[in-house]
């Protein structure tokens, strides 16, 4: 696992290649195996692989959604907020597990933040996605994870470049 963390970097450009169904199935399994508070599993994952629809997802906000334009897959991570007040945390864990699983499969990924972002002055990114994808109002959208074969190679940061000063032992 540490090797996956050492190698993982955000990928914003993807090759025009489809992702094999077996790999998509593994990503789906990883999402469903995500831990959640009290094992409530409030989340829902929308796996979008239709190119025109992914293009519309890329319009959910004016900045930061560009990686979707070349992605072969977009995973919309949302949750029923009426089930658990820790839906943000549960969806965050699922989002990063999707990214780490993608890395382990030779795929790249990028977290696209949706919660608390605007699509236009009068419409949130979340409202746009709810309307576009038929997501009920009580389901909140945290993120979209773009996934695809990397069109760019990025190496992980060397250990000596990590911010070790942010680690304390026993006291702040």
N, C-alpha and C. Protein backbone atom coordinates (compact mmCIF):
# COMPACT_ATOMS: atom_id res chain seq x y z
N UNK A 1 0.81 -1.19 0.00
CA UNK A 1 0.00 0.00 0.00
C UNK A 1 0.86 1.26 0.00
N UNK A 2 1.95 1.28 0.75
CA UNK A 2 2.78 2.47 0.79
C UNK A 2 3.36 2.79 -0.59
N UNK A 3 3.62 1.77 -1.39
CA UNK A 3 4.14 2.02 -2.74
C UNK A 3 3.09 2.71 -3.61
N UNK A 4 1.84 2.34 -3.45
CA UNK A 4 0.76 3.02 -4.19
C UNK A 4 0.69 4.48 -3.78
N UNK A 5 0.80 4.75 -2.49
CA UNK A 5 0.79 6.13 -1.99
C UNK A 5 2.00 6.90 -2.49
N UNK A 6 3.14 6.24 -2.56
CA UNK A 6 4.35 6.90 -3.03
C UNK A 6 4.25 7.27 -4.51
N UNK A 7 3.55 6.48 -5.27
CA UNK A 7 3.45 6.70 -6.72
C UNK A 7 2.28 7.60 -7.11
N UNK A 8 1.22 7.63 -6.30
CA UNK A 8 -0.01 8.33 -6.70
C UNK A 8 0.20 9.82 -6.84
N UNK A 9 -0.25 10.34 -7.95
CA UNK A 9 -0.27 11.78 -8.22
C UNK A 9 -1.57 12.08 -8.93
N UNK A 10 -2.02 13.30 -8.84
CA UNK A 10 -3.22 13.70 -9.56
C UNK A 10 -2.91 13.73 -11.05
N UNK A 11 -3.80 13.11 -11.82
CA UNK A 11 -3.66 13.08 -13.28
C UNK A 11 -4.83 13.86 -13.87
N UNK A 12 -4.51 14.83 -14.71
CA UNK A 12 -5.55 15.69 -15.28
C UNK A 12 -5.76 15.50 -16.78
N UNK A 13 -4.93 14.68 -17.41
CA UNK A 13 -5.09 14.41 -18.85
C UNK A 13 -4.99 12.91 -19.06
N UNK A 14 -5.91 12.41 -19.88
CA UNK A 14 -6.01 10.97 -20.09
C UNK A 14 -5.93 10.61 -21.57
N UNK A 15 -5.46 9.40 -21.83
CA UNK A 15 -5.43 8.87 -23.19
C UNK A 15 -6.85 8.53 -23.63
N UNK A 16 -7.11 8.56 -24.94
CA UNK A 16 -8.46 8.24 -25.42
C UNK A 16 -8.67 6.72 -25.50
N UNK A 17 -8.56 6.06 -24.36
CA UNK A 17 -8.74 4.60 -24.28
C UNK A 17 -9.84 4.28 -23.29
N UNK A 18 -10.66 3.30 -23.64
CA UNK A 18 -11.69 2.82 -22.73
C UNK A 18 -11.03 2.03 -21.61
N UNK A 19 -11.68 1.99 -20.48
CA UNK A 19 -11.23 1.19 -19.35
C UNK A 19 -11.94 -0.16 -19.43
N UNK A 20 -11.17 -1.22 -19.27
CA UNK A 20 -11.72 -2.56 -19.37
C UNK A 20 -12.81 -2.78 -18.31
N UNK A 21 -13.87 -3.52 -18.68
CA UNK A 21 -14.96 -3.78 -17.73
C UNK A 21 -14.48 -4.42 -16.42
N UNK A 22 -13.46 -5.27 -16.49
CA UNK A 22 -12.96 -5.90 -15.25
C UNK A 22 -12.40 -4.87 -14.30
N UNK A 23 -11.71 -3.87 -14.85
CA UNK A 23 -11.15 -2.81 -14.01
C UNK A 23 -12.25 -1.94 -13.42
N UNK A 24 -13.27 -1.66 -14.21
CA UNK A 24 -14.41 -0.88 -13.70
C UNK A 24 -15.09 -1.65 -12.57
N UNK A 25 -15.21 -2.95 -12.74
CA UNK A 25 -15.83 -3.78 -11.69
C UNK A 25 -15.01 -3.74 -10.40
N UNK A 26 -13.70 -3.74 -10.52
CA UNK A 26 -12.83 -3.64 -9.33
C UNK A 26 -13.01 -2.28 -8.66
N UNK A 27 -13.11 -1.22 -9.45
CA UNK A 27 -13.35 0.11 -8.88
C UNK A 27 -14.69 0.15 -8.15
N UNK A 28 -15.70 -0.48 -8.74
CA UNK A 28 -17.01 -0.54 -8.09
C UNK A 28 -16.93 -1.29 -6.77
N UNK A 29 -16.21 -2.41 -6.78
CA UNK A 29 -16.05 -3.18 -5.54
C UNK A 29 -15.32 -2.36 -4.47
N UNK A 30 -14.28 -1.65 -4.88
CA UNK A 30 -13.53 -0.82 -3.93
C UNK A 30 -14.45 0.22 -3.29
N UNK A 31 -15.29 0.85 -4.10
CA UNK A 31 -16.22 1.86 -3.57
C UNK A 31 -17.16 1.23 -2.54
N UNK A 32 -17.68 0.07 -2.87
CA UNK A 32 -18.63 -0.59 -1.97
C UNK A 32 -17.97 -1.15 -0.70
N UNK A 33 -16.66 -1.35 -0.74
CA UNK A 33 -15.93 -1.83 0.44
C UNK A 33 -15.45 -0.69 1.33
N UNK A 34 -15.75 0.54 0.94
CA UNK A 34 -15.34 1.69 1.75
C UNK A 34 -15.98 1.62 3.12
N UNK A 35 -15.21 1.93 4.14
CA UNK A 35 -15.83 1.97 5.47
C UNK A 35 -16.72 3.20 5.61
N UNK A 36 -17.72 3.07 6.46
CA UNK A 36 -18.58 4.22 6.75
C UNK A 36 -18.95 4.18 8.22
N UNK A 37 -19.27 5.34 8.74
CA UNK A 37 -19.64 5.45 10.15
C UNK A 37 -20.83 4.55 10.46
N UNK A 38 -20.70 3.76 11.49
CA UNK A 38 -21.75 2.85 11.96
C UNK A 38 -22.19 1.87 10.87
N UNK A 39 -21.36 1.71 9.84
CA UNK A 39 -21.66 0.80 8.73
C UNK A 39 -23.01 1.11 8.07
N UNK A 40 -23.35 2.39 8.04
CA UNK A 40 -24.63 2.82 7.46
C UNK A 40 -24.57 2.86 5.93
N UNK A 41 -23.39 3.10 5.39
CA UNK A 41 -23.21 3.13 3.93
C UNK A 41 -24.21 4.07 3.24
N UNK A 42 -24.16 5.35 3.56
CA UNK A 42 -25.14 6.27 3.00
C UNK A 42 -24.88 6.65 1.55
N UNK A 43 -23.73 6.24 1.03
CA UNK A 43 -23.31 6.69 -0.28
C UNK A 43 -23.98 5.96 -1.44
N UNK A 44 -23.86 6.60 -2.59
CA UNK A 44 -24.27 6.03 -3.87
C UNK A 44 -23.22 6.49 -4.87
N UNK A 45 -22.86 5.60 -5.79
CA UNK A 45 -21.82 5.89 -6.76
C UNK A 45 -22.41 5.79 -8.16
N UNK A 46 -22.31 6.86 -8.92
CA UNK A 46 -22.77 6.85 -10.30
C UNK A 46 -21.55 6.72 -11.20
N UNK A 47 -21.40 5.59 -11.84
CA UNK A 47 -20.29 5.34 -12.76
C UNK A 47 -20.74 5.77 -14.15
N UNK A 48 -20.13 6.82 -14.65
CA UNK A 48 -20.52 7.41 -15.94
C UNK A 48 -19.41 7.14 -16.94
N UNK A 49 -19.75 6.41 -18.03
CA UNK A 49 -18.76 6.12 -19.06
C UNK A 49 -19.19 6.57 -20.45
N UNK A 50 -20.33 7.24 -20.53
CA UNK A 50 -20.79 7.79 -21.81
C UNK A 50 -20.08 9.12 -22.05
N UNK A 51 -19.31 9.18 -23.13
CA UNK A 51 -18.49 10.37 -23.41
C UNK A 51 -19.28 11.68 -23.42
N UNK A 52 -20.44 11.74 -24.11
CA UNK A 52 -21.17 13.01 -24.10
C UNK A 52 -21.63 13.42 -22.69
N UNK A 53 -22.01 12.45 -21.88
CA UNK A 53 -22.45 12.76 -20.53
C UNK A 53 -21.28 13.20 -19.65
N UNK A 54 -20.13 12.58 -19.82
CA UNK A 54 -18.94 13.01 -19.08
C UNK A 54 -18.61 14.46 -19.47
N UNK A 55 -18.78 14.78 -20.74
CA UNK A 55 -18.56 16.16 -21.19
C UNK A 55 -19.48 17.14 -20.49
N UNK A 56 -20.71 16.74 -20.23
CA UNK A 56 -21.64 17.60 -19.49
C UNK A 56 -21.25 17.70 -18.02
N UNK A 57 -20.71 16.61 -17.47
CA UNK A 57 -20.23 16.66 -16.08
C UNK A 57 -19.13 17.71 -15.94
N UNK A 58 -18.30 17.83 -16.98
CA UNK A 58 -17.19 18.79 -16.95
C UNK A 58 -17.67 20.23 -16.86
N UNK A 59 -18.96 20.47 -17.11
CA UNK A 59 -19.53 21.81 -17.03
C UNK A 59 -20.11 22.12 -15.65
N UNK A 60 -19.88 21.23 -14.68
CA UNK A 60 -20.49 21.41 -13.36
C UNK A 60 -19.95 22.62 -12.61
N UNK A 61 -18.77 23.08 -12.98
CA UNK A 61 -18.21 24.28 -12.35
C UNK A 61 -17.20 24.90 -13.31
N UNK A 62 -16.98 26.20 -13.21
CA UNK A 62 -16.14 26.88 -14.19
C UNK A 62 -14.65 26.55 -14.07
N UNK A 63 -14.20 26.11 -12.90
CA UNK A 63 -12.78 25.83 -12.71
C UNK A 63 -12.61 24.49 -11.99
N UNK A 64 -11.62 23.73 -12.40
CA UNK A 64 -11.28 22.51 -11.69
C UNK A 64 -11.94 21.24 -12.19
N UNK A 65 -12.79 21.32 -13.19
CA UNK A 65 -13.45 20.12 -13.71
C UNK A 65 -12.89 19.69 -15.07
N UNK A 66 -11.88 20.40 -15.54
CA UNK A 66 -11.29 20.12 -16.86
C UNK A 66 -10.80 18.68 -17.03
N UNK A 67 -10.29 18.00 -15.99
CA UNK A 67 -9.86 16.62 -16.17
C UNK A 67 -10.96 15.70 -16.71
N UNK A 68 -12.20 16.05 -16.48
CA UNK A 68 -13.30 15.23 -17.00
C UNK A 68 -13.36 15.23 -18.52
N UNK A 69 -12.85 16.27 -19.15
CA UNK A 69 -12.94 16.38 -20.61
C UNK A 69 -12.28 15.23 -21.35
N UNK A 70 -11.24 14.64 -20.78
CA UNK A 70 -10.56 13.53 -21.45
C UNK A 70 -10.70 12.21 -20.71
N UNK A 71 -11.45 12.19 -19.61
CA UNK A 71 -11.59 10.98 -18.80
C UNK A 71 -12.46 9.94 -19.49
N UNK A 72 -12.09 8.68 -19.33
CA UNK A 72 -12.89 7.57 -19.85
C UNK A 72 -14.02 7.22 -18.89
N UNK A 73 -13.84 7.61 -17.63
CA UNK A 73 -14.82 7.27 -16.60
C UNK A 73 -14.90 8.41 -15.59
N UNK A 74 -16.10 8.67 -15.12
CA UNK A 74 -16.32 9.63 -14.04
C UNK A 74 -17.17 8.94 -12.99
N UNK A 75 -16.74 9.02 -11.75
CA UNK A 75 -17.52 8.44 -10.66
C UNK A 75 -18.05 9.57 -9.80
N UNK A 76 -19.35 9.75 -9.82
CA UNK A 76 -20.00 10.77 -9.00
C UNK A 76 -20.27 10.14 -7.64
N UNK A 77 -19.71 10.76 -6.61
CA UNK A 77 -19.81 10.22 -5.25
C UNK A 77 -20.80 11.08 -4.48
N UNK A 78 -21.92 10.47 -4.07
CA UNK A 78 -22.94 11.21 -3.35
C UNK A 78 -23.50 10.34 -2.22
N UNK A 79 -24.32 10.94 -1.38
CA UNK A 79 -24.87 10.19 -0.25
C UNK A 79 -26.21 10.76 0.17
N UNK A 80 -27.00 9.90 0.78
CA UNK A 80 -28.28 10.29 1.37
C UNK A 80 -27.98 10.94 2.71
N UNK A 81 -28.10 12.26 2.76
CA UNK A 81 -27.75 12.99 3.97
C UNK A 81 -28.71 12.71 5.13
N UNK A 82 -29.86 12.11 4.85
CA UNK A 82 -30.82 11.81 5.93
C UNK A 82 -30.42 10.56 6.71
N UNK A 83 -29.49 9.79 6.19
CA UNK A 83 -29.11 8.54 6.85
C UNK A 83 -28.02 8.72 7.90
N UNK A 84 -27.15 9.70 7.67
CA UNK A 84 -26.00 9.82 8.57
C UNK A 84 -25.42 11.23 8.46
N UNK A 85 -25.08 11.82 9.59
CA UNK A 85 -24.50 13.16 9.56
C UNK A 85 -23.02 13.13 9.18
N UNK A 86 -22.44 11.98 8.99
CA UNK A 86 -21.03 11.87 8.59
C UNK A 86 -20.91 11.49 7.11
N UNK A 87 -21.89 11.87 6.32
CA UNK A 87 -21.85 11.52 4.90
C UNK A 87 -20.64 12.12 4.20
N UNK A 88 -20.21 13.31 4.61
CA UNK A 88 -19.04 13.94 3.98
C UNK A 88 -17.80 13.08 4.22
N UNK A 89 -17.61 12.64 5.45
CA UNK A 89 -16.47 11.81 5.77
C UNK A 89 -16.55 10.47 5.05
N UNK A 90 -17.74 9.86 5.06
CA UNK A 90 -17.91 8.57 4.39
C UNK A 90 -17.61 8.67 2.89
N UNK A 91 -18.11 9.73 2.26
CA UNK A 91 -17.86 9.92 0.83
C UNK A 91 -16.40 10.28 0.55
N UNK A 92 -15.77 10.99 1.47
CA UNK A 92 -14.34 11.32 1.31
C UNK A 92 -13.49 10.06 1.33
N UNK A 93 -13.78 9.17 2.27
CA UNK A 93 -13.04 7.91 2.33
C UNK A 93 -13.24 7.13 1.04
N UNK A 94 -14.48 7.02 0.57
CA UNK A 94 -14.75 6.30 -0.66
C UNK A 94 -14.03 6.92 -1.85
N UNK A 95 -13.99 8.25 -1.89
CA UNK A 95 -13.33 8.94 -3.01
C UNK A 95 -11.84 8.61 -3.06
N UNK A 96 -11.18 8.65 -1.92
CA UNK A 96 -9.74 8.37 -1.94
C UNK A 96 -9.48 6.89 -2.19
N UNK A 97 -10.35 6.02 -1.70
CA UNK A 97 -10.16 4.59 -2.00
C UNK A 97 -10.33 4.33 -3.50
N UNK A 98 -11.23 5.03 -4.14
CA UNK A 98 -11.36 4.93 -5.60
C UNK A 98 -10.06 5.36 -6.27
N UNK A 99 -9.48 6.45 -5.80
CA UNK A 99 -8.24 6.94 -6.39
C UNK A 99 -7.08 5.95 -6.18
N UNK A 100 -6.97 5.41 -4.99
CA UNK A 100 -5.88 4.47 -4.72
C UNK A 100 -6.06 3.17 -5.50
N UNK A 101 -7.30 2.72 -5.63
CA UNK A 101 -7.56 1.52 -6.42
C UNK A 101 -7.25 1.78 -7.89
N UNK A 102 -7.63 2.94 -8.39
CA UNK A 102 -7.30 3.29 -9.77
C UNK A 102 -5.79 3.25 -9.98
N UNK A 103 -5.04 3.82 -9.05
CA UNK A 103 -3.58 3.80 -9.14
C UNK A 103 -3.06 2.36 -9.19
N UNK A 104 -3.61 1.49 -8.37
CA UNK A 104 -3.16 0.10 -8.33
C UNK A 104 -3.45 -0.65 -9.63
N UNK A 105 -4.40 -0.14 -10.41
CA UNK A 105 -4.78 -0.76 -11.68
C UNK A 105 -4.08 -0.13 -12.88
N UNK A 106 -3.14 0.78 -12.63
CA UNK A 106 -2.44 1.45 -13.71
C UNK A 106 -3.22 2.60 -14.32
N UNK A 107 -4.23 3.08 -13.61
CA UNK A 107 -5.06 4.18 -14.07
C UNK A 107 -4.69 5.45 -13.30
N UNK A 108 -5.00 6.58 -13.88
CA UNK A 108 -4.83 7.85 -13.19
C UNK A 108 -6.18 8.37 -12.75
N UNK A 109 -6.17 9.33 -11.83
CA UNK A 109 -7.43 9.88 -11.33
C UNK A 109 -7.23 11.31 -10.83
N UNK A 110 -8.35 11.98 -10.69
CA UNK A 110 -8.34 13.34 -10.13
C UNK A 110 -9.63 13.54 -9.34
N UNK A 111 -9.50 14.07 -8.14
CA UNK A 111 -10.65 14.42 -7.29
C UNK A 111 -11.17 15.76 -7.77
N UNK A 112 -12.42 15.82 -8.13
CA UNK A 112 -13.06 17.06 -8.53
C UNK A 112 -14.09 17.41 -7.46
N UNK A 113 -13.81 18.46 -6.73
CA UNK A 113 -14.66 18.86 -5.61
C UNK A 113 -15.97 19.44 -6.15
N UNK A 114 -17.08 18.98 -5.60
CA UNK A 114 -18.40 19.48 -5.98
C UNK A 114 -19.05 20.23 -4.82
N UNK A 115 -19.02 19.65 -3.63
CA UNK A 115 -19.68 20.25 -2.47
C UNK A 115 -19.13 21.66 -2.22
N UNK A 116 -20.03 22.58 -2.02
CA UNK A 116 -19.72 23.99 -1.76
C UNK A 116 -19.07 24.71 -2.95
N UNK A 117 -19.33 24.23 -4.15
CA UNK A 117 -18.83 24.89 -5.36
C UNK A 117 -20.01 25.37 -6.19
N UNK A 118 -19.80 26.44 -6.94
CA UNK A 118 -20.84 27.02 -7.80
C UNK A 118 -20.64 26.60 -9.24
N UNK A 119 -21.73 26.38 -9.94
CA UNK A 119 -21.68 26.17 -11.38
C UNK A 119 -21.84 27.53 -12.06
N UNK A 120 -22.84 28.27 -11.61
CA UNK A 120 -23.04 29.65 -12.06
C UNK A 120 -23.35 30.47 -10.80
N UNK A 121 -23.58 31.73 -10.98
CA UNK A 121 -23.91 32.59 -9.83
C UNK A 121 -25.19 32.14 -9.13
N UNK A 122 -26.11 31.58 -9.90
CA UNK A 122 -27.41 31.20 -9.33
C UNK A 122 -27.62 29.70 -9.17
N UNK A 123 -26.61 28.89 -9.51
CA UNK A 123 -26.77 27.44 -9.45
C UNK A 123 -25.49 26.80 -8.90
N UNK A 124 -25.64 25.94 -7.90
CA UNK A 124 -24.47 25.25 -7.38
C UNK A 124 -24.08 24.11 -8.31
N UNK A 125 -22.85 23.66 -8.18
CA UNK A 125 -22.39 22.50 -8.95
C UNK A 125 -23.24 21.28 -8.60
N UNK A 126 -23.57 21.18 -7.33
CA UNK A 126 -24.40 20.05 -6.87
C UNK A 126 -25.79 20.08 -7.51
N UNK A 127 -26.42 21.24 -7.54
CA UNK A 127 -27.75 21.36 -8.17
C UNK A 127 -27.69 21.00 -9.65
N UNK A 128 -26.64 21.46 -10.31
CA UNK A 128 -26.46 21.14 -11.73
C UNK A 128 -26.40 19.63 -11.93
N UNK A 129 -25.61 18.95 -11.10
CA UNK A 129 -25.46 17.50 -11.23
C UNK A 129 -26.74 16.77 -10.84
N UNK A 130 -27.43 17.26 -9.82
CA UNK A 130 -28.70 16.64 -9.44
C UNK A 130 -29.69 16.67 -10.60
N UNK A 131 -29.75 17.81 -11.27
CA UNK A 131 -30.66 17.94 -12.40
C UNK A 131 -30.20 17.09 -13.58
N UNK A 132 -28.92 17.14 -13.90
CA UNK A 132 -28.37 16.40 -15.04
C UNK A 132 -28.53 14.90 -14.88
N UNK A 133 -28.29 14.39 -13.68
CA UNK A 133 -28.25 12.94 -13.47
C UNK A 133 -29.47 12.38 -12.75
N UNK A 134 -30.43 13.23 -12.44
CA UNK A 134 -31.64 12.77 -11.75
C UNK A 134 -31.38 12.36 -10.31
N UNK A 135 -30.46 13.04 -9.65
CA UNK A 135 -30.12 12.75 -8.26
C UNK A 135 -31.15 13.42 -7.36
N UNK A 136 -31.79 12.66 -6.45
CA UNK A 136 -32.78 13.27 -5.56
C UNK A 136 -32.17 14.36 -4.67
N UNK A 137 -32.99 15.31 -4.26
CA UNK A 137 -32.53 16.47 -3.50
C UNK A 137 -31.90 16.08 -2.16
N UNK A 138 -32.34 14.98 -1.55
CA UNK A 138 -31.77 14.59 -0.25
C UNK A 138 -30.45 13.83 -0.40
N UNK A 139 -30.03 13.62 -1.63
CA UNK A 139 -28.69 13.06 -1.89
C UNK A 139 -27.76 14.22 -2.16
N UNK A 140 -26.69 14.28 -1.40
CA UNK A 140 -25.70 15.35 -1.54
C UNK A 140 -24.51 14.82 -2.33
N UNK A 141 -23.98 15.66 -3.20
CA UNK A 141 -22.83 15.28 -4.03
C UNK A 141 -21.56 15.86 -3.42
N UNK A 142 -20.60 15.00 -3.14
CA UNK A 142 -19.33 15.45 -2.58
C UNK A 142 -18.32 15.72 -3.69
N UNK A 143 -18.16 14.73 -4.59
CA UNK A 143 -17.06 14.81 -5.55
C UNK A 143 -17.39 14.03 -6.81
N UNK A 144 -16.55 14.27 -7.80
CA UNK A 144 -16.50 13.41 -8.99
C UNK A 144 -15.05 12.98 -9.09
N UNK A 145 -14.81 11.69 -9.26
CA UNK A 145 -13.47 11.19 -9.47
C UNK A 145 -13.33 10.88 -10.96
N UNK A 146 -12.46 11.63 -11.64
CA UNK A 146 -12.19 11.33 -13.05
C UNK A 146 -11.15 10.21 -13.08
N UNK A 147 -11.32 9.29 -14.05
CA UNK A 147 -10.44 8.13 -14.14
C UNK A 147 -10.13 7.85 -15.61
N UNK A 148 -8.90 7.46 -15.86
CA UNK A 148 -8.51 7.07 -17.21
C UNK A 148 -7.06 6.66 -17.25
N UNK A 149 -6.62 6.25 -18.43
CA UNK A 149 -5.20 5.93 -18.61
C UNK A 149 -4.44 7.24 -18.73
N UNK A 150 -3.42 7.42 -17.92
CA UNK A 150 -2.71 8.70 -17.90
C UNK A 150 -2.07 9.06 -19.24
N UNK A 151 -2.27 10.31 -19.65
CA UNK A 151 -1.59 10.83 -20.84
C UNK A 151 -0.33 11.57 -20.42
N UNK A 152 -0.11 11.63 -19.13
CA UNK A 152 1.07 12.28 -18.59
C UNK A 152 1.64 11.38 -17.51
N UNK A 153 2.93 11.36 -17.41
CA UNK A 153 3.58 10.57 -16.36
C UNK A 153 4.09 11.52 -15.29
N UNK A 154 3.67 11.29 -14.08
CA UNK A 154 4.11 12.12 -12.97
C UNK A 154 4.70 11.19 -11.92
N UNK A 155 5.83 11.55 -11.40
CA UNK A 155 6.45 10.73 -10.38
C UNK A 155 6.04 11.25 -9.00
N UNK A 156 6.03 10.34 -8.05
CA UNK A 156 5.70 10.71 -6.69
C UNK A 156 6.79 11.57 -6.07
N UNK A 157 6.44 12.20 -5.00
CA UNK A 157 7.42 13.05 -4.29
C UNK A 157 8.39 12.18 -3.49
N UNK A 158 9.66 12.51 -3.53
CA UNK A 158 10.61 11.80 -2.68
C UNK A 158 10.31 12.05 -1.20
N UNK A 159 10.63 11.08 -0.36
CA UNK A 159 10.35 11.20 1.07
C UNK A 159 10.98 12.44 1.68
N UNK A 160 12.16 12.82 1.20
CA UNK A 160 12.82 14.00 1.78
C UNK A 160 12.10 15.30 1.46
N UNK A 161 11.18 15.29 0.51
CA UNK A 161 10.41 16.50 0.19
C UNK A 161 9.10 16.59 0.98
N UNK A 162 8.78 15.57 1.74
CA UNK A 162 7.56 15.61 2.54
C UNK A 162 7.71 16.61 3.68
N UNK A 163 6.61 17.12 4.16
CA UNK A 163 6.62 18.13 5.22
C UNK A 163 6.67 17.45 6.59
N UNK A 164 7.81 16.87 6.89
CA UNK A 164 7.99 16.12 8.13
C UNK A 164 7.75 16.98 9.37
N UNK A 165 7.89 18.30 9.23
CA UNK A 165 7.67 19.19 10.38
C UNK A 165 6.19 19.20 10.82
N UNK A 166 5.32 18.65 9.99
CA UNK A 166 3.91 18.59 10.34
C UNK A 166 3.57 17.36 11.19
N UNK A 167 4.58 16.58 11.51
CA UNK A 167 4.40 15.41 12.36
C UNK A 167 4.90 15.74 13.75
N UNK A 168 4.07 15.49 14.76
CA UNK A 168 4.46 15.64 16.16
C UNK A 168 4.22 14.31 16.87
N UNK A 169 4.92 14.10 17.94
CA UNK A 169 4.73 12.90 18.74
C UNK A 169 4.30 13.30 20.15
N UNK A 170 3.21 12.76 20.58
CA UNK A 170 2.68 12.92 21.94
C UNK A 170 2.10 14.29 22.25
N UNK A 171 2.63 15.35 21.74
CA UNK A 171 2.11 16.70 22.00
C UNK A 171 2.17 17.52 20.71
N UNK A 172 1.36 18.55 20.66
CA UNK A 172 1.35 19.41 19.47
C UNK A 172 2.69 20.05 19.30
